[in-house]
């Protein structure tokens, strides 16, 4: 975490925390990529900071991809940085947890104990840092099919 960065000042609207249903009964989600998504909302729920990414790119066990809302819950979470307006398109996301740095798709369900830092960068280089004691990531809501790549 970078010292001296201003705290984020954002309007927070409480959202319900939804379970992570499979996109279809036959194919549960196995990974989510926050890069390319939109940070749509931040709110507090009990002891958690909740970041909502809508839509995020989700992958299934067979390799099928779709767009769906993702929620990151950080226990005792705090937000720092210079992303001050929502919604905000996210160009890159880096997760640091237990001495490991993860970029790209994160496995689902994602539940890792220990101190975490989620760094988000928008298209013009503004950064947000979310820190907490534990991170859980899941998907919720309706799924929208991702077009098949052109060959």
N, C-alpha and C. Protein backbone atom coordinates (compact mmCIF):
# COMPACT_ATOMS: atom_id res chain seq x y z
N UNK A 1 0.85 -1.17 0.00
CA UNK A 1 0.00 0.00 0.00
C UNK A 1 0.89 1.23 0.00
N UNK A 2 0.52 2.23 -0.76
CA UNK A 2 1.32 3.43 -0.91
C UNK A 2 0.88 4.46 0.12
N UNK A 3 1.81 4.94 0.93
CA UNK A 3 1.50 5.95 1.93
C UNK A 3 1.28 7.29 1.24
N UNK A 4 0.47 8.14 1.84
CA UNK A 4 0.25 9.46 1.32
C UNK A 4 -0.84 9.56 0.26
N UNK A 5 -1.40 8.44 -0.15
CA UNK A 5 -2.49 8.47 -1.12
C UNK A 5 -3.76 8.94 -0.40
N UNK A 6 -4.59 9.75 -1.04
CA UNK A 6 -5.82 10.20 -0.39
C UNK A 6 -6.80 9.04 -0.24
N UNK A 7 -7.59 9.10 0.80
CA UNK A 7 -8.66 8.12 0.99
C UNK A 7 -9.67 8.31 -0.12
N UNK A 8 -10.30 7.25 -0.52
CA UNK A 8 -11.38 7.35 -1.50
C UNK A 8 -12.59 7.96 -0.82
N UNK A 9 -13.25 8.87 -1.49
CA UNK A 9 -14.50 9.43 -1.00
C UNK A 9 -15.55 9.11 -2.03
N UNK A 10 -16.34 8.10 -1.73
CA UNK A 10 -17.33 7.62 -2.68
C UNK A 10 -18.68 7.51 -2.01
N UNK A 11 -19.71 7.66 -2.79
CA UNK A 11 -21.07 7.46 -2.29
C UNK A 11 -21.30 5.96 -2.22
N UNK A 12 -21.59 5.45 -1.04
CA UNK A 12 -21.78 4.02 -0.85
C UNK A 12 -23.27 3.72 -0.72
N UNK A 13 -23.72 2.76 -1.47
CA UNK A 13 -25.11 2.33 -1.43
C UNK A 13 -25.12 0.86 -1.03
N UNK A 14 -25.82 0.49 0.05
CA UNK A 14 -25.83 -0.92 0.46
C UNK A 14 -26.46 -1.80 -0.61
N UNK A 15 -25.83 -2.92 -0.89
CA UNK A 15 -26.35 -3.91 -1.82
C UNK A 15 -26.49 -5.24 -1.09
N UNK A 16 -27.47 -6.06 -1.44
CA UNK A 16 -27.57 -7.36 -0.80
C UNK A 16 -26.42 -8.25 -1.24
N UNK A 17 -25.93 -9.06 -0.32
CA UNK A 17 -24.92 -10.05 -0.66
C UNK A 17 -25.68 -11.29 -1.11
N UNK A 18 -25.43 -11.70 -2.34
CA UNK A 18 -26.17 -12.81 -2.92
C UNK A 18 -25.28 -14.05 -2.96
N UNK A 19 -25.88 -15.23 -2.90
CA UNK A 19 -25.08 -16.44 -3.05
C UNK A 19 -24.50 -16.50 -4.47
N UNK A 20 -23.56 -17.38 -4.69
CA UNK A 20 -22.93 -17.51 -6.00
C UNK A 20 -23.54 -18.68 -6.76
N UNK A 21 -24.67 -18.44 -7.47
CA UNK A 21 -25.29 -19.54 -8.20
C UNK A 21 -24.52 -19.83 -9.48
N UNK A 22 -24.58 -21.06 -9.97
CA UNK A 22 -23.96 -21.34 -11.26
C UNK A 22 -24.67 -20.59 -12.37
N UNK A 23 -23.95 -20.29 -13.45
CA UNK A 23 -24.54 -19.58 -14.58
C UNK A 23 -25.62 -20.44 -15.23
N UNK A 24 -25.39 -21.72 -15.28
CA UNK A 24 -26.39 -22.67 -15.73
C UNK A 24 -26.27 -23.86 -14.79
N UNK A 25 -27.32 -24.65 -14.64
CA UNK A 25 -27.22 -25.80 -13.72
C UNK A 25 -26.08 -26.75 -14.10
N UNK A 26 -25.71 -26.81 -15.38
CA UNK A 26 -24.69 -27.76 -15.83
C UNK A 26 -23.27 -27.21 -15.70
N UNK A 27 -23.10 -25.91 -15.52
CA UNK A 27 -21.75 -25.37 -15.55
C UNK A 27 -21.54 -24.29 -14.49
N UNK A 28 -20.97 -24.65 -13.37
CA UNK A 28 -20.69 -23.64 -12.34
C UNK A 28 -19.49 -22.79 -12.74
N UNK A 29 -19.42 -21.58 -12.23
CA UNK A 29 -18.28 -20.72 -12.54
C UNK A 29 -17.02 -21.25 -11.85
N UNK A 30 -15.88 -21.16 -12.52
CA UNK A 30 -14.62 -21.62 -11.93
C UNK A 30 -13.57 -20.51 -11.84
N UNK A 31 -13.77 -19.37 -12.54
CA UNK A 31 -12.81 -18.27 -12.49
C UNK A 31 -13.49 -16.96 -12.86
N UNK A 32 -12.96 -15.85 -12.33
CA UNK A 32 -13.46 -14.53 -12.67
C UNK A 32 -12.26 -13.61 -12.90
N UNK A 33 -12.37 -12.76 -13.92
CA UNK A 33 -11.32 -11.79 -14.24
C UNK A 33 -11.87 -10.39 -14.00
N UNK A 34 -11.28 -9.67 -13.04
CA UNK A 34 -11.75 -8.33 -12.72
C UNK A 34 -11.26 -7.28 -13.71
N UNK A 35 -10.12 -7.53 -14.38
CA UNK A 35 -9.63 -6.62 -15.42
C UNK A 35 -10.63 -6.65 -16.58
N UNK A 36 -10.99 -5.49 -17.07
CA UNK A 36 -11.99 -5.41 -18.13
C UNK A 36 -13.40 -5.27 -17.59
N UNK A 37 -13.55 -5.32 -16.27
CA UNK A 37 -14.87 -5.13 -15.67
C UNK A 37 -15.04 -3.66 -15.30
N UNK A 38 -16.14 -3.35 -14.65
CA UNK A 38 -16.43 -2.00 -14.18
C UNK A 38 -16.64 -2.07 -12.67
N UNK A 39 -15.85 -1.29 -11.92
CA UNK A 39 -16.11 -1.16 -10.49
C UNK A 39 -17.35 -0.31 -10.35
N UNK A 40 -18.46 -0.95 -10.01
CA UNK A 40 -19.76 -0.29 -10.04
C UNK A 40 -20.16 0.33 -8.71
N UNK A 41 -19.73 -0.28 -7.59
CA UNK A 41 -20.22 0.18 -6.30
C UNK A 41 -19.29 -0.27 -5.19
N UNK A 42 -19.21 0.53 -4.14
CA UNK A 42 -18.55 0.17 -2.89
C UNK A 42 -19.54 0.41 -1.77
N UNK A 43 -19.58 -0.52 -0.82
CA UNK A 43 -20.46 -0.34 0.33
C UNK A 43 -19.89 -1.09 1.52
N UNK A 44 -20.47 -0.88 2.67
CA UNK A 44 -20.09 -1.60 3.88
C UNK A 44 -21.25 -2.51 4.27
N UNK A 45 -20.90 -3.71 4.66
CA UNK A 45 -21.90 -4.66 5.16
C UNK A 45 -21.29 -5.33 6.37
N UNK A 46 -21.78 -4.93 7.55
CA UNK A 46 -21.18 -5.45 8.77
C UNK A 46 -19.71 -5.07 8.81
N UNK A 47 -18.85 -6.04 9.01
CA UNK A 47 -17.41 -5.79 9.07
C UNK A 47 -16.72 -5.90 7.72
N UNK A 48 -17.50 -5.95 6.63
CA UNK A 48 -16.93 -6.14 5.30
C UNK A 48 -17.02 -4.87 4.45
N UNK A 49 -16.00 -4.63 3.64
CA UNK A 49 -16.06 -3.68 2.54
C UNK A 49 -16.45 -4.50 1.32
N UNK A 50 -17.50 -4.11 0.61
CA UNK A 50 -18.00 -4.87 -0.53
C UNK A 50 -17.76 -4.06 -1.80
N UNK A 51 -17.00 -4.64 -2.73
CA UNK A 51 -16.75 -4.03 -4.04
C UNK A 51 -17.53 -4.83 -5.07
N UNK A 52 -18.35 -4.15 -5.87
CA UNK A 52 -19.16 -4.81 -6.88
C UNK A 52 -18.60 -4.49 -8.26
N UNK A 53 -18.32 -5.54 -9.03
CA UNK A 53 -17.78 -5.42 -10.39
C UNK A 53 -18.86 -5.91 -11.35
N UNK A 54 -19.30 -5.01 -12.23
CA UNK A 54 -20.40 -5.39 -13.12
C UNK A 54 -20.20 -4.77 -14.49
N UNK A 55 -20.09 -5.54 -15.51
CA UNK A 55 -20.00 -6.99 -15.49
C UNK A 55 -18.54 -7.44 -15.44
N UNK A 56 -18.31 -8.62 -14.90
CA UNK A 56 -16.97 -9.22 -14.89
C UNK A 56 -16.99 -10.43 -15.82
N UNK A 57 -15.83 -10.79 -16.35
CA UNK A 57 -15.73 -11.94 -17.24
C UNK A 57 -15.55 -13.19 -16.39
N UNK A 58 -16.48 -14.14 -16.55
CA UNK A 58 -16.51 -15.36 -15.76
C UNK A 58 -16.28 -16.54 -16.70
N UNK A 59 -15.54 -17.54 -16.22
CA UNK A 59 -15.28 -18.75 -17.01
C UNK A 59 -15.87 -19.96 -16.30
N UNK A 60 -16.38 -20.89 -17.11
CA UNK A 60 -16.92 -22.13 -16.59
C UNK A 60 -15.93 -23.27 -16.74
N UNK A 61 -16.30 -24.42 -16.20
CA UNK A 61 -15.43 -25.59 -16.21
C UNK A 61 -15.12 -26.08 -17.63
N UNK A 62 -16.01 -25.84 -18.58
CA UNK A 62 -15.78 -26.31 -19.96
C UNK A 62 -15.08 -25.27 -20.83
N UNK A 63 -14.75 -24.12 -20.23
CA UNK A 63 -14.09 -23.06 -21.00
C UNK A 63 -15.05 -22.02 -21.54
N UNK A 64 -16.36 -22.26 -21.39
CA UNK A 64 -17.37 -21.27 -21.79
C UNK A 64 -17.18 -20.01 -20.95
N UNK A 65 -17.41 -18.84 -21.56
CA UNK A 65 -17.26 -17.57 -20.84
C UNK A 65 -18.55 -16.77 -20.92
N UNK A 66 -18.79 -15.99 -19.87
CA UNK A 66 -19.96 -15.12 -19.83
C UNK A 66 -19.65 -13.93 -18.93
N UNK A 67 -20.51 -12.92 -18.98
CA UNK A 67 -20.39 -11.73 -18.13
C UNK A 67 -21.42 -11.84 -17.01
N UNK A 68 -20.96 -11.52 -15.80
CA UNK A 68 -21.83 -11.62 -14.63
C UNK A 68 -21.27 -10.71 -13.54
N UNK A 69 -22.13 -10.25 -12.65
CA UNK A 69 -21.68 -9.42 -11.53
C UNK A 69 -20.79 -10.24 -10.60
N UNK A 70 -19.68 -9.64 -10.17
CA UNK A 70 -18.80 -10.26 -9.18
C UNK A 70 -18.77 -9.35 -7.96
N UNK A 71 -18.67 -9.96 -6.78
CA UNK A 71 -18.58 -9.21 -5.54
C UNK A 71 -17.34 -9.66 -4.79
N UNK A 72 -16.54 -8.69 -4.36
CA UNK A 72 -15.36 -8.95 -3.54
C UNK A 72 -15.67 -8.44 -2.13
N UNK A 73 -15.58 -9.31 -1.15
CA UNK A 73 -15.85 -8.96 0.24
C UNK A 73 -14.54 -9.00 1.01
N UNK A 74 -14.16 -7.86 1.57
CA UNK A 74 -12.92 -7.78 2.34
C UNK A 74 -13.26 -7.56 3.81
N UNK A 75 -12.87 -8.53 4.65
CA UNK A 75 -13.10 -8.42 6.08
C UNK A 75 -12.23 -7.30 6.63
N UNK A 76 -12.81 -6.41 7.42
CA UNK A 76 -12.13 -5.25 7.99
C UNK A 76 -11.47 -4.44 6.87
N UNK A 77 -12.17 -4.33 5.72
CA UNK A 77 -11.60 -3.71 4.53
C UNK A 77 -11.54 -2.20 4.58
N UNK A 78 -10.52 -1.66 3.93
CA UNK A 78 -10.35 -0.23 3.76
C UNK A 78 -10.03 0.05 2.30
N UNK A 79 -10.37 1.25 1.83
CA UNK A 79 -10.09 1.65 0.45
C UNK A 79 -9.22 2.90 0.47
N UNK A 80 -8.17 2.89 -0.35
CA UNK A 80 -7.26 4.03 -0.49
C UNK A 80 -7.00 4.23 -1.97
N UNK A 81 -6.57 5.43 -2.35
CA UNK A 81 -6.18 5.65 -3.73
C UNK A 81 -6.81 6.86 -4.34
N UNK A 82 -6.70 6.96 -5.67
CA UNK A 82 -7.20 8.14 -6.35
C UNK A 82 -8.29 7.86 -7.38
N UNK A 83 -8.93 6.69 -7.31
CA UNK A 83 -10.16 6.46 -8.09
C UNK A 83 -11.29 7.07 -7.27
N UNK A 84 -11.86 8.15 -7.74
CA UNK A 84 -12.84 8.85 -6.92
C UNK A 84 -14.25 8.85 -7.49
N UNK A 85 -14.44 8.31 -8.69
CA UNK A 85 -15.77 8.31 -9.30
C UNK A 85 -16.17 6.90 -9.68
N UNK A 86 -17.41 6.58 -9.39
CA UNK A 86 -17.98 5.29 -9.79
C UNK A 86 -19.18 5.55 -10.67
N UNK A 87 -19.45 4.71 -11.64
CA UNK A 87 -18.70 3.51 -12.00
C UNK A 87 -17.37 3.87 -12.66
N UNK A 88 -16.42 2.91 -12.58
CA UNK A 88 -15.08 3.13 -13.13
C UNK A 88 -14.60 1.87 -13.84
N UNK A 89 -14.32 1.95 -15.15
CA UNK A 89 -13.77 0.79 -15.87
C UNK A 89 -12.39 0.42 -15.32
N UNK A 90 -12.14 -0.86 -15.16
CA UNK A 90 -10.89 -1.35 -14.60
C UNK A 90 -10.03 -1.94 -15.72
N UNK A 91 -8.80 -1.40 -15.86
CA UNK A 91 -7.88 -1.88 -16.89
C UNK A 91 -7.05 -3.06 -16.39
N UNK A 92 -6.67 -3.03 -15.11
CA UNK A 92 -5.90 -4.16 -14.57
C UNK A 92 -6.21 -4.33 -13.09
N UNK A 93 -6.03 -5.56 -12.64
CA UNK A 93 -6.27 -5.91 -11.23
C UNK A 93 -5.15 -6.83 -10.77
N UNK A 94 -4.59 -6.53 -9.60
CA UNK A 94 -3.54 -7.36 -9.01
C UNK A 94 -3.94 -7.66 -7.58
N UNK A 95 -3.89 -8.92 -7.22
CA UNK A 95 -4.23 -9.35 -5.87
C UNK A 95 -2.98 -9.88 -5.20
N UNK A 96 -2.70 -9.35 -4.02
CA UNK A 96 -1.57 -9.84 -3.21
C UNK A 96 -2.14 -10.47 -1.95
N UNK A 97 -1.84 -11.75 -1.75
CA UNK A 97 -2.33 -12.47 -0.58
C UNK A 97 -1.32 -13.54 -0.20
N UNK A 98 -1.02 -13.62 1.10
CA UNK A 98 -0.12 -14.64 1.63
C UNK A 98 1.20 -14.71 0.86
N UNK A 99 1.77 -13.55 0.55
CA UNK A 99 3.05 -13.50 -0.15
C UNK A 99 3.00 -13.85 -1.62
N UNK A 100 1.81 -14.02 -2.16
CA UNK A 100 1.63 -14.38 -3.56
C UNK A 100 0.98 -13.22 -4.30
N UNK A 101 1.37 -13.00 -5.58
CA UNK A 101 0.77 -11.95 -6.40
C UNK A 101 0.01 -12.63 -7.54
N UNK A 102 -1.28 -12.34 -7.64
CA UNK A 102 -2.13 -12.95 -8.66
C UNK A 102 -2.63 -11.88 -9.62
N UNK A 103 -2.51 -12.17 -10.91
CA UNK A 103 -3.08 -11.32 -11.97
C UNK A 103 -3.90 -12.22 -12.87
N UNK A 104 -4.87 -11.64 -13.55
CA UNK A 104 -5.69 -12.45 -14.44
C UNK A 104 -6.82 -13.13 -13.69
N UNK A 105 -7.40 -14.16 -14.29
CA UNK A 105 -8.56 -14.80 -13.67
C UNK A 105 -8.24 -15.37 -12.29
N UNK A 106 -9.17 -15.14 -11.36
CA UNK A 106 -9.05 -15.67 -10.00
C UNK A 106 -9.97 -16.88 -9.87
N UNK A 107 -9.53 -17.93 -9.20
CA UNK A 107 -10.36 -19.12 -9.07
C UNK A 107 -11.60 -18.86 -8.22
N UNK A 108 -12.69 -19.54 -8.57
CA UNK A 108 -13.93 -19.47 -7.80
C UNK A 108 -14.26 -20.86 -7.27
N UNK A 109 -14.79 -20.99 -6.08
CA UNK A 109 -14.93 -19.88 -5.13
C UNK A 109 -13.56 -19.43 -4.64
N UNK A 110 -13.45 -18.15 -4.34
CA UNK A 110 -12.18 -17.60 -3.87
C UNK A 110 -12.35 -17.19 -2.42
N UNK A 111 -11.73 -17.90 -1.54
CA UNK A 111 -11.75 -17.59 -0.11
C UNK A 111 -10.35 -17.84 0.41
N UNK A 112 -9.64 -16.78 0.73
CA UNK A 112 -8.27 -16.92 1.24
C UNK A 112 -8.15 -16.18 2.56
N UNK A 113 -7.69 -16.88 3.59
CA UNK A 113 -7.43 -16.18 4.85
C UNK A 113 -6.13 -15.39 4.76
N UNK A 114 -5.96 -14.48 5.66
CA UNK A 114 -4.72 -13.71 5.71
C UNK A 114 -4.89 -12.34 5.08
N UNK A 115 -3.96 -11.46 5.39
CA UNK A 115 -4.00 -10.09 4.89
C UNK A 115 -3.95 -10.07 3.36
N UNK A 116 -4.80 -9.23 2.77
CA UNK A 116 -4.87 -9.14 1.32
C UNK A 116 -4.82 -7.67 0.88
N UNK A 117 -4.34 -7.47 -0.35
CA UNK A 117 -4.38 -6.16 -0.99
C UNK A 117 -4.83 -6.38 -2.43
N UNK A 118 -5.89 -5.71 -2.82
CA UNK A 118 -6.38 -5.74 -4.19
C UNK A 118 -6.10 -4.38 -4.79
N UNK A 119 -5.26 -4.35 -5.83
CA UNK A 119 -4.92 -3.10 -6.51
C UNK A 119 -5.65 -3.05 -7.84
N UNK A 120 -6.40 -1.98 -8.06
CA UNK A 120 -7.12 -1.77 -9.31
C UNK A 120 -6.56 -0.54 -9.99
N UNK A 121 -6.43 -0.60 -11.33
CA UNK A 121 -5.92 0.53 -12.10
C UNK A 121 -6.90 0.79 -13.23
N UNK A 122 -7.27 2.07 -13.42
CA UNK A 122 -8.18 2.40 -14.52
C UNK A 122 -7.37 2.69 -15.79
N UNK A 123 -8.05 3.05 -16.86
CA UNK A 123 -7.41 3.23 -18.17
C UNK A 123 -6.40 4.38 -18.21
N UNK A 124 -6.53 5.36 -17.31
CA UNK A 124 -5.58 6.48 -17.33
C UNK A 124 -4.57 6.39 -16.18
N UNK A 125 -4.51 5.24 -15.52
CA UNK A 125 -3.48 5.02 -14.51
C UNK A 125 -3.84 5.36 -13.08
N UNK A 126 -5.07 5.80 -12.83
CA UNK A 126 -5.46 6.05 -11.45
C UNK A 126 -5.59 4.70 -10.73
N UNK A 127 -5.24 4.68 -9.45
CA UNK A 127 -5.19 3.43 -8.70
C UNK A 127 -6.09 3.47 -7.47
N UNK A 128 -6.58 2.30 -7.13
CA UNK A 128 -7.28 2.11 -5.86
C UNK A 128 -6.69 0.88 -5.20
N UNK A 129 -6.52 0.95 -3.90
CA UNK A 129 -6.01 -0.16 -3.12
C UNK A 129 -7.07 -0.54 -2.10
N UNK A 130 -7.46 -1.79 -2.11
CA UNK A 130 -8.39 -2.32 -1.13
C UNK A 130 -7.60 -3.29 -0.26
N UNK A 131 -7.60 -3.07 1.04
CA UNK A 131 -6.87 -3.94 1.95
C UNK A 131 -7.83 -4.50 2.97
N UNK A 132 -7.54 -5.70 3.45
CA UNK A 132 -8.39 -6.32 4.44
C UNK A 132 -7.72 -7.53 5.06
N UNK A 133 -8.41 -8.12 6.03
CA UNK A 133 -7.89 -9.27 6.76
C UNK A 133 -8.18 -10.59 6.03
N UNK A 134 -9.15 -10.59 5.14
CA UNK A 134 -9.52 -11.79 4.39
C UNK A 134 -10.33 -11.35 3.18
N UNK A 135 -10.28 -12.14 2.10
CA UNK A 135 -11.00 -11.82 0.88
C UNK A 135 -11.84 -13.00 0.45
N UNK A 136 -13.08 -12.71 0.06
CA UNK A 136 -13.95 -13.68 -0.57
C UNK A 136 -14.48 -13.06 -1.85
N UNK A 137 -14.47 -13.82 -2.95
CA UNK A 137 -15.00 -13.33 -4.23
C UNK A 137 -16.01 -14.34 -4.73
N UNK A 138 -17.15 -13.84 -5.19
CA UNK A 138 -18.18 -14.70 -5.77
C UNK A 138 -18.90 -13.97 -6.88
N UNK A 139 -19.75 -14.68 -7.60
CA UNK A 139 -20.57 -14.08 -8.65
C UNK A 139 -22.03 -14.21 -8.27
N UNK A 140 -22.84 -13.30 -8.81
CA UNK A 140 -24.26 -13.27 -8.48
C UNK A 140 -25.03 -12.65 -9.64
N UNK A 141 -26.31 -12.92 -9.66
CA UNK A 141 -27.17 -12.28 -10.65
C UNK A 141 -27.17 -13.01 -11.99
N UNK A 142 -27.89 -12.45 -12.95
CA UNK A 142 -28.03 -13.10 -14.25
C UNK A 142 -26.73 -13.08 -15.04
N UNK A 143 -26.53 -14.12 -15.83
CA UNK A 143 -25.36 -14.23 -16.68
C UNK A 143 -25.71 -13.81 -18.09
N UNK A 144 -24.77 -13.14 -18.76
CA UNK A 144 -24.94 -12.72 -20.15
C UNK A 144 -23.85 -13.41 -20.96
N UNK A 145 -24.24 -14.16 -21.97
CA UNK A 145 -23.28 -14.93 -22.76
C UNK A 145 -22.25 -14.03 -23.42
N UNK A 146 -21.01 -14.47 -23.42
CA UNK A 146 -19.91 -13.78 -24.10
C UNK A 146 -19.84 -14.35 -25.51
N UNK A 147 -19.76 -13.51 -26.54
CA UNK A 147 -19.67 -14.04 -27.90
C UNK A 147 -18.45 -14.95 -28.05
N UNK A 148 -18.60 -15.98 -28.84
CA UNK A 148 -17.48 -16.88 -29.12
C UNK A 148 -16.42 -16.13 -29.90
N UNK A 149 -15.13 -16.38 -29.62
CA UNK A 149 -14.08 -15.67 -30.36
C UNK A 149 -14.13 -16.03 -31.84
N UNK A 150 -13.86 -15.02 -32.68
CA UNK A 150 -13.86 -15.26 -34.13
C UNK A 150 -12.58 -15.97 -34.51
N UNK A 151 -12.69 -16.92 -35.43
CA UNK A 151 -11.51 -17.67 -35.85
C UNK A 151 -11.02 -17.20 -37.18
